[in-house]
Amino acid sequence: MTSSLDPKVRDRVWDQLRPVALPDSRFHFDFARMHPDFLGSADAAGRLLAAITPTPAIAFSAPDGALTNSRELLLSRGVRVVVSTYCMRRGFRLLDPGRIEARDFAFAATLDGLERFGTPLSVADMAALGRIDLALSGAAAVAPNGVRFGRSYLYFDIEWGLMAELGLVGERTPVAVVVHDVQVAGDRVAAMPHEAVPDFIATPTRLLRLPDRPRRPVGVNWQGIDADEIELMPALVDLQRARGQRG
């Protein structure tokens, strides 16, 4: 079960997003399948990271195009970045700026660059990383109180749940959603128990702080994931195996 956005609001957001969105090399302007990069995303990234102190040692990023500039900026500041693959189909990758030439940061921050420069991470590798200092997500739209909508909505909550079970994230981990101003839309919506509601909404023109967000989940919402979907996410299979939930 997920929060839903009024279709009229969704269509209005997408109409306003198209003129400022940057096309994806695979999905073009199919906002139902991806959250695109957009004009001003570098400003949003800079505004957000200026508010995160001290500088993170390790950050997590969803694979959204909207986070490309955030990933590049993190790498330029010496931050290791864990990135999930699209729909978690191939687990997670680590971008380590200590192993990437500075001239390659911009490409490494893209999904194509992730395949070249990212190091695959098993669940055991993830657990060995230590605490993650910042988690980033995109969204098709986000309510003023931080409830996200869109394709990555469920995946980010699964990723958060997995990292929470591994002890990598918790209540004090800063979480931010990076979107264009036109994507902050609709009314306040009650969050579902399995949602990792952000502390910040970063846009090209402002940084919204959400001090009254609900508590975040401490594990994966297994009941909300079909068994067939679990089989398509190797990290979840590995986690179940590590927990003795399968042979």
C-alpha atoms as a PDB file:
ATOM      1  CA  MET A   1       0.000   0.000   0.000  1.00  0.00           C
ATOM      2  CA  THR A   2       1.375   3.412  -0.959  1.00  0.00           C
ATOM      3  CA  SER A   3       0.323   7.035  -0.802  1.00  0.00           C
ATOM      4  CA  SER A   4      -1.329   8.250  -3.975  1.00  0.00           C
ATOM      5  CA  LEU A   5      -1.269  11.582  -5.765  1.00  0.00           C
ATOM      6  CA  ASP A   6      -4.415  13.051  -7.259  1.00  0.00           C
ATOM      7  CA  PRO A   7      -4.165  12.306 -11.013  1.00  0.00           C
ATOM      8  CA  LYS A   8      -5.077  15.912 -11.791  1.00  0.00           C
ATOM      9  CA  VAL A   9      -2.184  17.143  -9.640  1.00  0.00           C
ATOM     10  CA  ARG A  10       0.156  14.565 -11.187  1.00  0.00           C
ATOM     11  CA  ASP A  11      -0.746  15.604 -14.725  1.00  0.00           C
ATOM     12  CA  ARG A  12      -0.276  19.291 -13.850  1.00  0.00           C
ATOM     13  CA  VAL A  13       3.147  18.564 -12.328  1.00  0.00           C
ATOM     14  CA  TRP A  14       4.246  16.596 -15.374  1.00  0.00           C
ATOM     15  CA  ASP A  15       3.052  19.324 -17.753  1.00  0.00           C
ATOM     16  CA  GLN A  16       5.089  21.892 -15.783  1.00  0.00           C
ATOM     17  CA  LEU A  17       8.080  19.560 -15.486  1.00  0.00           C
ATOM     18  CA  ARG A  18       8.482  18.830 -19.194  1.00  0.00           C
ATOM     19  CA  PRO A  19       9.891  22.287 -20.145  1.00  0.00           C
ATOM     20  CA  VAL A  20      12.559  22.102 -17.412  1.00  0.00           C
ATOM     21  CA  ALA A  21      13.309  18.349 -17.483  1.00  0.00           C
ATOM     22  CA  LEU A  22      16.390  16.935 -19.195  1.00  0.00           C
ATOM     23  CA  PRO A  23      15.586  13.862 -21.324  1.00  0.00           C
ATOM     24  CA  ASP A  24      16.799  10.470 -20.152  1.00  0.00           C
ATOM     25  CA  SER A  25      18.851   8.444 -22.640  1.00  0.00           C
ATOM     26  CA  ARG A  26      16.554   5.431 -22.155  1.00  0.00           C
ATOM     27  CA  PHE A  27      13.188   6.736 -21.055  1.00  0.00           C
ATOM     28  CA  HIS A  28      13.159  10.162 -22.748  1.00  0.00           C
ATOM     29  CA  PHE A  29      10.369  12.117 -20.958  1.00  0.00           C
ATOM     30  CA  ASP A  30       8.524   9.100 -19.569  1.00  0.00           C
ATOM     31  CA  PHE A  31       8.038  10.457 -16.047  1.00  0.00           C
ATOM     32  CA  ALA A  32       6.083   7.360 -15.055  1.00  0.00           C
ATOM     33  CA  ARG A  33       9.281   5.314 -15.366  1.00  0.00           C
ATOM     34  CA  MET A  34      11.995   7.689 -14.205  1.00  0.00           C
ATOM     35  CA  HIS A  35      12.620  10.907 -12.280  1.00  0.00           C
ATOM     36  CA  PRO A  36      14.618  13.104 -14.663  1.00  0.00           C
ATOM     37  CA  ASP A  37      17.441  15.510 -14.128  1.00  0.00           C
ATOM     38  CA  PHE A  38      16.253  19.078 -14.536  1.00  0.00           C
ATOM     39  CA  LEU A  39      17.445  22.627 -15.039  1.00  0.00           C
ATOM     40  CA  GLY A  40      18.769  23.939 -11.747  1.00  0.00           C
ATOM     41  CA  SER A  41      19.499  20.559 -10.149  1.00  0.00           C
ATOM     42  CA  ALA A  42      23.095  21.666  -9.480  1.00  0.00           C
ATOM     43  CA  ASP A  43      21.749  24.624  -7.501  1.00  0.00           C
ATOM     44  CA  ALA A  44      19.494  22.297  -5.521  1.00  0.00           C
ATOM     45  CA  ALA A  45      22.436  20.004  -4.777  1.00  0.00           C
ATOM     46  CA  GLY A  46      24.646  22.859  -3.663  1.00  0.00           C
ATOM     47  CA  ARG A  47      21.964  24.332  -1.427  1.00  0.00           C
ATOM     48  CA  LEU A  48      21.335  20.982   0.204  1.00  0.00           C
ATOM     49  CA  LEU A  49      24.960  20.016   0.827  1.00  0.00           C
ATOM     50  CA  ALA A  50      25.681  23.453   2.286  1.00  0.00           C
ATOM     51  CA  ALA A  51      23.168  22.572   5.013  1.00  0.00           C
ATOM     52  CA  ILE A  52      24.667  19.153   5.807  1.00  0.00           C
ATOM     53  CA  THR A  53      27.456  19.507   8.350  1.00  0.00           C
ATOM     54  CA  PRO A  54      29.905  18.035   8.810  1.00  0.00           C
ATOM     55  CA  THR A  55      30.548  16.823   5.273  1.00  0.00           C
ATOM     56  CA  PRO A  56      29.391  13.198   4.998  1.00  0.00           C
ATOM     57  CA  ALA A  57      31.956  10.441   4.755  1.00  0.00           C
ATOM     58  CA  ILE A  58      29.512   8.067   3.045  1.00  0.00           C
ATOM     59  CA  ALA A  59      26.236   8.951   1.320  1.00  0.00           C
ATOM     60  CA  PHE A  60      23.501   6.876  -0.294  1.00  0.00           C
ATOM     61  CA  SER A  61      21.839   7.926  -3.537  1.00  0.00           C
ATOM     62  CA  ALA A  62      18.879   6.452  -5.363  1.00  0.00           C
ATOM     63  CA  PRO A  63      19.651   6.062  -9.089  1.00  0.00           C
ATOM     64  CA  ASP A  64      17.414   8.969 -10.142  1.00  0.00           C
ATOM     65  CA  GLY A  65      18.604  11.309 -12.862  1.00  0.00           C
ATOM     66  CA  ALA A  66      17.576  14.188 -10.602  1.00  0.00           C
ATOM     67  CA  LEU A  67      20.452  13.208  -8.288  1.00  0.00           C
ATOM     68  CA  THR A  68      23.214  13.198 -10.908  1.00  0.00           C
ATOM     69  CA  ASN A  69      24.578  16.594  -9.883  1.00  0.00           C
ATOM     70  CA  SER A  70      24.270  15.675  -6.197  1.00  0.00           C
ATOM     71  CA  ARG A  71      26.390  12.569  -6.778  1.00  0.00           C
ATOM     72  CA  GLU A  72      29.001  14.564  -8.703  1.00  0.00           C
ATOM     73  CA  LEU A  73      29.187  17.207  -5.983  1.00  0.00           C
ATOM     74  CA  LEU A  74      29.557  14.561  -3.283  1.00  0.00           C
ATOM     75  CA  LEU A  75      32.389  12.902  -5.199  1.00  0.00           C
ATOM     76  CA  SER A  76      34.133  16.257  -5.655  1.00  0.00           C
ATOM     77  CA  ARG A  77      34.066  16.669  -1.866  1.00  0.00           C
ATOM     78  CA  GLY A  78      35.660  13.306  -1.269  1.00  0.00           C
ATOM     79  CA  VAL A  79      32.461  11.522  -0.241  1.00  0.00           C
ATOM     80  CA  ARG A  80      32.009   7.842  -1.045  1.00  0.00           C
ATOM     81  CA  VAL A  81      28.585   7.298  -2.613  1.00  0.00           C
ATOM     82  CA  VAL A  82      26.541   4.100  -2.513  1.00  0.00           C
ATOM     83  CA  VAL A  83      24.097   3.960  -5.434  1.00  0.00           C
ATOM     84  CA  SER A  84      21.342   1.424  -5.998  1.00  0.00           C
ATOM     85  CA  THR A  85      20.953   0.047  -9.515  1.00  0.00           C
ATOM     86  CA  TYR A  86      17.727   0.650 -11.409  1.00  0.00           C
ATOM     87  CA  CYS A  87      14.846  -1.110  -9.587  1.00  0.00           C
ATOM     88  CA  MET A  88      17.534  -2.792  -7.438  1.00  0.00           C
ATOM     89  CA  ARG A  89      17.887  -5.401 -10.168  1.00  0.00           C
ATOM     90  CA  ARG A  90      21.667  -5.669  -9.731  1.00  0.00           C
ATOM     91  CA  GLY A  91      22.012  -4.585  -6.143  1.00  0.00           C
ATOM     92  CA  PHE A  92      24.239  -1.676  -5.147  1.00  0.00           C
ATOM     93  CA  ARG A  93      27.436  -0.036  -6.391  1.00  0.00           C
ATOM     94  CA  LEU A  94      30.038   2.065  -4.582  1.00  0.00           C
ATOM     95  CA  LEU A  95      31.551   5.173  -6.158  1.00  0.00           C
ATOM     96  CA  ASP A  96      34.838   5.862  -4.367  1.00  0.00           C
ATOM     97  CA  PRO A  97      36.380   9.245  -5.278  1.00  0.00           C
ATOM     98  CA  GLY A  98      39.733   7.941  -4.079  1.00  0.00           C
ATOM     99  CA  ARG A  99      39.695   5.504  -7.003  1.00  0.00           C
ATOM    100  CA  ILE A 100      38.241   7.802  -9.667  1.00  0.00           C
ATOM    101  CA  GLU A 101      40.081  10.613 -11.428  1.00  0.00           C
ATOM    102  CA  ALA A 102      38.520  14.011 -10.743  1.00  0.00           C
ATOM    103  CA  ARG A 103      38.006  14.540 -14.472  1.00  0.00           C
ATOM    104  CA  ASP A 104      35.724  11.488 -14.472  1.00  0.00           C
ATOM    105  CA  PHE A 105      33.451  12.513 -11.580  1.00  0.00           C
ATOM    106  CA  ALA A 106      30.770  13.966 -13.869  1.00  0.00           C
ATOM    107  CA  PHE A 107      30.492  10.778 -15.916  1.00  0.00           C
ATOM    108  CA  ALA A 108      30.806   8.494 -12.880  1.00  0.00           C
ATOM    109  CA  ALA A 109      27.783  10.255 -11.369  1.00  0.00           C
ATOM    110  CA  THR A 110      25.572   9.125 -14.270  1.00  0.00           C
ATOM    111  CA  LEU A 111      24.003   5.668 -14.451  1.00  0.00           C
ATOM    112  CA  ASP A 112      26.191   4.742 -17.425  1.00  0.00           C
ATOM    113  CA  GLY A 113      29.234   5.927 -15.498  1.00  0.00           C
ATOM    114  CA  LEU A 114      28.128   3.908 -12.489  1.00  0.00           C
ATOM    115  CA  GLU A 115      28.564   0.754 -14.561  1.00  0.00           C
ATOM    116  CA  ARG A 116      32.155   1.720 -15.389  1.00  0.00           C
ATOM    117  CA  PHE A 117      33.333   3.193 -12.104  1.00  0.00           C
ATOM    118  CA  GLY A 118      31.065   1.605  -9.500  1.00  0.00           C
ATOM    119  CA  THR A 119      32.231  -1.364  -7.414  1.00  0.00           C
ATOM    120  CA  PRO A 120      29.531  -4.021  -6.820  1.00  0.00           C
ATOM    121  CA  LEU A 121      28.521  -4.408  -3.172  1.00  0.00           C
ATOM    122  CA  SER A 122      27.152  -7.533  -1.560  1.00  0.00           C
ATOM    123  CA  VAL A 123      24.980  -7.272   1.540  1.00  0.00           C
ATOM    124  CA  ALA A 124      28.067  -8.196   3.580  1.00  0.00           C
ATOM    125  CA  ASP A 125      30.017  -5.422   1.846  1.00  0.00           C
ATOM    126  CA  MET A 126      27.216  -2.982   2.664  1.00  0.00           C
ATOM    127  CA  ALA A 127      27.236  -3.982   6.331  1.00  0.00           C
ATOM    128  CA  ALA A 128      31.000  -3.415   6.485  1.00  0.00           C
ATOM    129  CA  LEU A 129      30.742   0.180   5.225  1.00  0.00           C
ATOM    130  CA  GLY A 130      29.705   1.667   8.540  1.00  0.00           C
ATOM    131  CA  ARG A 131      27.135   4.377   9.091  1.00  0.00           C
ATOM    132  CA  ILE A 132      25.761   6.267   6.111  1.00  0.00           C
ATOM    133  CA  ASP A 133      25.701  10.015   6.756  1.00  0.00           C
ATOM    134  CA  LEU A 134      23.174  11.162   4.136  1.00  0.00           C
ATOM    135  CA  ALA A 135      20.482   9.486   2.015  1.00  0.00           C
ATOM    136  CA  LEU A 136      19.105  11.041  -1.186  1.00  0.00           C
ATOM    137  CA  SER A 137      16.018  10.327  -3.255  1.00  0.00           C
ATOM    138  CA  GLY A 138      14.220  11.841  -6.206  1.00  0.00           C
ATOM    139  CA  ALA A 139      10.449  11.832  -6.730  1.00  0.00           C
ATOM    140  CA  ALA A 140       7.807  12.345  -9.382  1.00  0.00           C
ATOM    141  CA  ALA A 141       6.283  14.806  -6.914  1.00  0.00           C
ATOM    142  CA  VAL A 142       6.515  15.505  -3.207  1.00  0.00           C
ATOM    143  CA  ALA A 143       3.883  16.863  -0.837  1.00  0.00           C
ATOM    144  CA  PRO A 144       4.836  19.891   1.280  1.00  0.00           C
ATOM    145  CA  ASN A 145       5.280  17.613   4.304  1.00  0.00           C
ATOM    146  CA  GLY A 146       7.741  15.341   2.470  1.00  0.00           C
ATOM    147  CA  VAL A 147       5.560  12.421   1.374  1.00  0.00           C
ATOM    148  CA  ARG A 148       6.941  11.304  -1.992  1.00  0.00           C
ATOM    149  CA  PHE A 149       5.130  10.028  -5.067  1.00  0.00           C
ATOM    150  CA  GLY A 150       6.418   8.195  -8.134  1.00  0.00           C
ATOM    151  CA  ARG A 151       8.139   5.069  -9.319  1.00  0.00           C
ATOM    152  CA  SER A 152      11.117   5.292  -6.959  1.00  0.00           C
ATOM    153  CA  TYR A 153       8.812   5.863  -4.000  1.00  0.00           C
ATOM    154  CA  LEU A 154       8.596   2.174  -3.107  1.00  0.00           C
ATOM    155  CA  TYR A 155      12.191   1.351  -4.056  1.00  0.00           C
ATOM    156  CA  PHE A 156      13.701   4.028  -1.833  1.00  0.00           C
ATOM    157  CA  ASP A 157      11.696   2.718   1.110  1.00  0.00           C
ATOM    158  CA  ILE A 158      12.923  -0.816   0.392  1.00  0.00           C
ATOM    159  CA  GLU A 159      16.502   0.439   0.136  1.00  0.00           C
ATOM    160  CA  TRP A 160      16.085   2.357   3.377  1.00  0.00           C
ATOM    161  CA  GLY A 161      14.628  -0.707   5.104  1.00  0.00           C
ATOM    162  CA  LEU A 162      17.532  -2.868   3.972  1.00  0.00           C
ATOM    163  CA  MET A 163      20.099  -0.329   5.155  1.00  0.00           C
ATOM    164  CA  ALA A 164      18.234   0.071   8.449  1.00  0.00           C
ATOM    165  CA  GLU A 165      18.327  -3.685   9.039  1.00  0.00           C
ATOM    166  CA  LEU A 166      22.078  -3.574   8.447  1.00  0.00           C
ATOM    167  CA  GLY A 167      22.459  -0.749  10.967  1.00  0.00           C
ATOM    168  CA  LEU A 168      23.660   1.728   8.327  1.00  0.00           C
ATOM    169  CA  VAL A 169      20.885   4.310   8.760  1.00  0.00           C
ATOM    170  CA  GLY A 170      18.541   5.387  11.521  1.00  0.00           C
ATOM    171  CA  GLU A 171      16.457   8.208  12.936  1.00  0.00           C
ATOM    172  CA  ARG A 172      19.387  10.636  12.936  1.00  0.00           C
ATOM    173  CA  THR A 173      20.431   9.984   9.335  1.00  0.00           C
ATOM    174  CA  PRO A 174      19.630  13.070   7.234  1.00  0.00           C
ATOM    175  CA  VAL A 175      17.340  12.215   4.318  1.00  0.00           C
ATOM    176  CA  ALA A 176      16.633  14.593   1.445  1.00  0.00           C
ATOM    177  CA  VAL A 177      14.533  14.559  -1.696  1.00  0.00           C
ATOM    178  CA  VAL A 178      15.834  16.619  -4.639  1.00  0.00           C
ATOM    179  CA  VAL A 179      13.182  17.911  -7.049  1.00  0.00           C
ATOM    180  CA  HIS A 180      12.315  20.899  -9.183  1.00  0.00           C
ATOM    181  CA  ASP A 181      10.088  23.550  -7.606  1.00  0.00           C
ATOM    182  CA  VAL A 182       7.156  22.480  -9.798  1.00  0.00           C
ATOM    183  CA  GLN A 183       7.311  19.001  -8.247  1.00  0.00           C
ATOM    184  CA  VAL A 184       6.454  20.266  -4.759  1.00  0.00           C
ATOM    185  CA  ALA A 185       2.703  19.920  -5.124  1.00  0.00           C
ATOM    186  CA  GLY A 186      -0.568  18.905  -3.581  1.00  0.00           C
ATOM    187  CA  ASP A 187      -1.655  18.972   0.037  1.00  0.00           C
ATOM    188  CA  ARG A 188      -0.096  17.435   3.124  1.00  0.00           C
ATOM    189  CA  VAL A 189      -0.584  13.661   3.007  1.00  0.00           C
ATOM    190  CA  ALA A 190      -0.326  11.189   5.875  1.00  0.00           C
ATOM    191  CA  ALA A 191       2.752   8.995   5.491  1.00  0.00           C
ATOM    192  CA  MET A 192       2.438   5.210   5.516  1.00  0.00           C
ATOM    193  CA  PRO A 193       4.335   3.362   8.304  1.00  0.00           C
ATOM    194  CA  HIS A 194       6.955   1.986   5.890  1.00  0.00           C
ATOM    195  CA  GLU A 195       7.840   5.399   4.392  1.00  0.00           C
ATOM    196  CA  ALA A 196      11.193   7.044   5.069  1.00  0.00           C
ATOM    197  CA  VAL A 197       9.994  10.654   5.043  1.00  0.00           C
ATOM    198  CA  PRO A 198      12.815  13.152   4.370  1.00  0.00           C
ATOM    199  CA  ASP A 199      14.194  15.905   6.576  1.00  0.00           C
ATOM    200  CA  PHE A 200      14.756  18.208   3.587  1.00  0.00           C
ATOM    201  CA  ILE A 201      13.236  19.031   0.220  1.00  0.00           C
ATOM    202  CA  ALA A 202      15.856  20.672  -2.001  1.00  0.00           C
ATOM    203  CA  THR A 203      14.843  22.599  -5.127  1.00  0.00           C
ATOM    204  CA  PRO A 204      16.695  25.042  -7.397  1.00  0.00           C
ATOM    205  CA  THR A 205      15.342  28.006  -5.397  1.00  0.00           C
ATOM    206  CA  ARG A 206      14.850  26.836  -1.804  1.00  0.00           C
ATOM    207  CA  LEU A 207      15.545  24.307   0.907  1.00  0.00           C
ATOM    208  CA  LEU A 208      12.534  23.171   2.911  1.00  0.00           C
ATOM    209  CA  ARG A 209      13.203  21.703   6.361  1.00  0.00           C
ATOM    210  CA  LEU A 210      10.712  19.189   7.759  1.00  0.00           C
ATOM    211  CA  PRO A 211      11.283  19.008  11.522  1.00  0.00           C
ATOM    212  CA  ASP A 212       7.999  17.224  12.291  1.00  0.00           C
ATOM    213  CA  ARG A 213       8.384  14.170  10.089  1.00  0.00           C
ATOM    214  CA  PRO A 214       7.206  10.800  11.474  1.00  0.00           C
ATOM    215  CA  ARG A 215       9.600   8.152  12.717  1.00  0.00           C
ATOM    216  CA  ARG A 216      11.179   6.043  10.025  1.00  0.00           C
ATOM    217  CA  PRO A 217      10.936   2.263   9.545  1.00  0.00           C
ATOM    218  CA  VAL A 218      13.633   0.099  11.116  1.00  0.00           C
ATOM    219  CA  GLY A 219      13.526  -2.686   8.533  1.00  0.00           C
ATOM    220  CA  VAL A 220      12.151  -3.925   5.227  1.00  0.00           C
ATOM    221  CA  ASN A 221       8.367  -4.030   4.846  1.00  0.00           C
ATOM    222  CA  TRP A 222       8.417  -7.603   3.574  1.00  0.00           C
ATOM    223  CA  GLN A 223       4.612  -7.832   3.488  1.00  0.00           C
ATOM    224  CA  GLY A 224       4.524  -5.020   0.954  1.00  0.00           C
ATOM    225  CA  ILE A 225       6.752  -6.789  -1.603  1.00  0.00           C
ATOM    226  CA  ASP A 226       5.544  -9.613  -3.824  1.00  0.00           C
ATOM    227  CA  ALA A 227       7.599 -12.811  -3.644  1.00  0.00           C
ATOM    228  CA  ASP A 228       8.300 -12.561  -7.381  1.00  0.00           C
ATOM    229  CA  GLU A 229       9.648  -9.029  -6.913  1.00  0.00           C
ATOM    230  CA  ILE A 230      11.954 -10.178  -4.122  1.00  0.00           C
ATOM    231  CA  GLU A 231      13.499 -12.700  -6.500  1.00  0.00           C
ATOM    232  CA  LEU A 232      14.366  -9.831  -8.869  1.00  0.00           C
ATOM    233  CA  MET A 233      16.276  -7.946  -6.159  1.00  0.00           C
ATOM    234  CA  PRO A 234      19.453  -9.887  -5.297  1.00  0.00           C
ATOM    235  CA  ALA A 235      20.195  -7.737  -2.257  1.00  0.00           C
ATOM    236  CA  LEU A 236      16.864  -8.740  -0.683  1.00  0.00           C
ATOM    237  CA  VAL A 237      17.545 -12.407  -1.432  1.00  0.00           C
ATOM    238  CA  ASP A 238      20.970 -12.087   0.198  1.00  0.00           C
ATOM    239  CA  LEU A 239      19.449 -10.328   3.213  1.00  0.00           C
ATOM    240  CA  GLN A 240      16.876 -13.072   3.679  1.00  0.00           C
ATOM    241  CA  ARG A 241      19.599 -15.672   3.418  1.00  0.00           C
ATOM    242  CA  ALA A 242      21.739 -13.833   5.973  1.00  0.00           C
ATOM    243  CA  ARG A 243      18.714 -13.682   8.298  1.00  0.00           C
ATOM    244  CA  GLY A 244      18.118 -17.432   7.920  1.00  0.00           C
ATOM    245  CA  GLN A 245      14.851 -16.850   6.087  1.00  0.00           C
ATOM    246  CA  ARG A 246      15.829 -19.059   3.155  1.00  0.00           C
ATOM    247  CA  GLY A 247      18.301 -21.844   2.426  1.00  0.00           C
END
